[in-house]
C-alpha atoms as a PDB file:
ATOM      1  CA  UNK A   1      79.462  98.344  95.115  1.00  0.00           C
ATOM      2  CA  UNK A   2      78.876 101.067  92.407  1.00  0.00           C
ATOM      3  CA  UNK A   3      77.703 103.594  95.230  1.00  0.00           C
ATOM      4  CA  UNK A   4      80.874 102.990  97.188  1.00  0.00           C
ATOM      5  CA  UNK A   5      83.129 103.323  94.038  1.00  0.00           C
ATOM      6  CA  UNK A   6      81.311 106.472  92.698  1.00  0.00           C
ATOM      7  CA  UNK A   7      81.459 108.127  96.259  1.00  0.00           C
ATOM      8  CA  UNK A   8      77.498 108.277  96.143  1.00  0.00           C
ATOM      9  CA  UNK A   9      75.536 108.517  99.627  1.00  0.00           C
ATOM     10  CA  UNK A  10      74.726 105.279 101.306  1.00  0.00           C
ATOM     11  CA  UNK A  11      71.164 104.653 102.345  1.00  0.00           C
ATOM     12  CA  UNK A  12      70.546 103.011 105.934  1.00  0.00           C
ATOM     13  CA  UNK A  13      69.954  99.707 104.251  1.00  0.00           C
ATOM     14  CA  UNK A  14      73.207  99.871 102.319  1.00  0.00           C
ATOM     15  CA  UNK A  15      75.018 100.697 105.737  1.00  0.00           C
ATOM     16  CA  UNK A  16      73.267  97.839 107.395  1.00  0.00           C
ATOM     17  CA  UNK A  17      74.437  95.471 104.879  1.00  0.00           C
ATOM     18  CA  UNK A  18      77.950  96.623 104.894  1.00  0.00           C
ATOM     19  CA  UNK A  19      77.894  96.222 108.655  1.00  0.00           C
ATOM     20  CA  UNK A  20      76.676  92.784 108.365  1.00  0.00           C
ATOM     21  CA  UNK A  21      79.395  91.690 105.970  1.00  0.00           C
ATOM     22  CA  UNK A  22      82.142  93.337 107.992  1.00  0.00           C
ATOM     23  CA  UNK A  23      80.742  91.592 110.993  1.00  0.00           C
ATOM     24  CA  UNK A  24      80.758  88.201 109.105  1.00  0.00           C
ATOM     25  CA  UNK A  25      84.383  88.817 108.059  1.00  0.00           C
ATOM     26  CA  UNK A  26      85.705  89.485 111.241  1.00  0.00           C
ATOM     27  CA  UNK A  27      84.114  86.550 112.616  1.00  0.00           C
ATOM     28  CA  UNK A  28      85.591  84.426 110.266  1.00  0.00           C
ATOM     29  CA  UNK A  29      89.090  85.727 110.884  1.00  0.00           C
ATOM     30  CA  UNK A  30      88.523  85.106 114.422  1.00  0.00           C
ATOM     31  CA  UNK A  31      87.604  81.444 113.862  1.00  0.00           C
ATOM     32  CA  UNK A  32      90.589  80.908 111.799  1.00  0.00           C
ATOM     33  CA  UNK A  33      92.719  82.729 114.703  1.00  0.00           C
ATOM     34  CA  UNK A  34      91.176  80.424 117.374  1.00  0.00           C
ATOM     35  CA  UNK A  35      92.048  77.358 115.070  1.00  0.00           C
ATOM     36  CA  UNK A  36      95.732  78.529 114.617  1.00  0.00           C
ATOM     37  CA  UNK A  37      96.147  78.941 118.070  1.00  0.00           C
ATOM     38  CA  UNK A  38      94.504  75.894 119.157  1.00  0.00           C
ATOM     39  CA  UNK A  39      96.490  73.736 116.736  1.00  0.00           C
ATOM     40  CA  UNK A  40      99.665  75.584 117.669  1.00  0.00           C
ATOM     41  CA  UNK A  41      99.189  74.763 121.472  1.00  0.00           C
ATOM     42  CA  UNK A  42      98.249  71.094 120.540  1.00  0.00           C
ATOM     43  CA  UNK A  43     101.517  70.786 118.608  1.00  0.00           C
ATOM     44  CA  UNK A  44     103.599  72.365 121.456  1.00  0.00           C
ATOM     45  CA  UNK A  45     101.906  70.066 124.055  1.00  0.00           C
ATOM     46  CA  UNK A  46     102.458  66.994 121.811  1.00  0.00           C
ATOM     47  CA  UNK A  47     106.313  68.120 121.187  1.00  0.00           C
ATOM     48  CA  UNK A  48     106.773  68.518 125.115  1.00  0.00           C
ATOM     49  CA  UNK A  49     105.276  65.187 125.941  1.00  0.00           C
ATOM     50  CA  UNK A  50     107.292  63.634 123.478  1.00  0.00           C
ATOM     51  CA  UNK A  51     110.705  65.297 124.791  1.00  0.00           C
ATOM     52  CA  UNK A  52     110.139  64.915 128.264  1.00  0.00           C
ATOM     53  CA  UNK A  53     108.592  61.527 128.521  1.00  0.00           C
ATOM     54  CA  UNK A  54     109.614  59.352 125.285  1.00  0.00           C
ATOM     55  CA  UNK A  55     112.982  60.692 124.640  1.00  0.00           C
END
Protein backbone atom coordinates (compact mmCIF):
# COMPACT_ATOMS: atom_id res chain seq x y z
CA UNK A 1 0.00 0.00 0.00
CA UNK A 2 2.81 2.38 0.79
CA UNK A 3 4.25 1.91 -2.72
CA UNK A 4 1.01 3.05 -4.27
CA UNK A 5 0.54 6.01 -1.95
CA UNK A 6 4.14 7.19 -2.36
CA UNK A 7 4.18 6.77 -6.16
CA UNK A 8 6.96 4.18 -6.03
CA UNK A 9 7.48 1.75 -8.89
CA UNK A 10 5.61 -1.52 -8.56
CA UNK A 11 7.42 -4.79 -9.10
CA UNK A 12 5.95 -7.58 -11.17
CA UNK A 13 4.89 -9.44 -8.02
CA UNK A 14 3.10 -6.34 -6.72
CA UNK A 15 1.22 -5.99 -10.00
CA UNK A 16 0.18 -9.65 -9.90
CA UNK A 17 -1.12 -9.29 -6.36
CA UNK A 18 -3.09 -6.17 -7.29
CA UNK A 19 -4.51 -7.92 -10.31
CA UNK A 20 -5.64 -10.87 -8.20
CA UNK A 21 -7.30 -8.56 -5.68
CA UNK A 22 -9.13 -6.62 -8.39
CA UNK A 23 -10.35 -9.84 -10.02
CA UNK A 24 -11.60 -11.14 -6.68
CA UNK A 25 -13.48 -7.92 -6.02
CA UNK A 26 -15.14 -7.92 -9.42
CA UNK A 27 -16.11 -11.57 -8.98
CA UNK A 28 -17.70 -10.72 -5.66
CA UNK A 29 -19.60 -7.83 -7.22
CA UNK A 30 -20.76 -10.12 -10.04
CA UNK A 31 -22.08 -12.66 -7.56
CA UNK A 32 -23.98 -9.99 -5.65
CA UNK A 33 -25.38 -8.65 -8.92
CA UNK A 34 -26.54 -12.11 -10.03
CA UNK A 35 -28.16 -12.71 -6.64
CA UNK A 36 -30.04 -9.40 -6.77
CA UNK A 37 -31.28 -10.15 -10.29
CA UNK A 38 -32.33 -13.68 -9.27
CA UNK A 39 -34.16 -12.44 -6.16
CA UNK A 40 -35.91 -9.67 -8.10
CA UNK A 41 -37.00 -12.14 -10.78
CA UNK A 42 -38.32 -14.56 -8.16
CA UNK A 43 -40.32 -11.78 -6.48
CA UNK A 44 -41.74 -10.65 -9.81
CA UNK A 45 -42.71 -14.21 -10.68
CA UNK A 46 -44.41 -14.73 -7.31
CA UNK A 47 -46.25 -11.41 -7.62
CA UNK A 48 -47.38 -12.32 -11.13
CA UNK A 49 -48.68 -15.71 -10.00
CA UNK A 50 -50.46 -14.12 -7.05
CA UNK A 51 -52.20 -11.42 -9.06
CA UNK A 52 -53.06 -13.68 -12.00
CA UNK A 53 -54.30 -16.80 -10.26
CA UNK A 54 -55.07 -16.04 -6.64
CA UNK A 55 -56.61 -12.60 -6.74
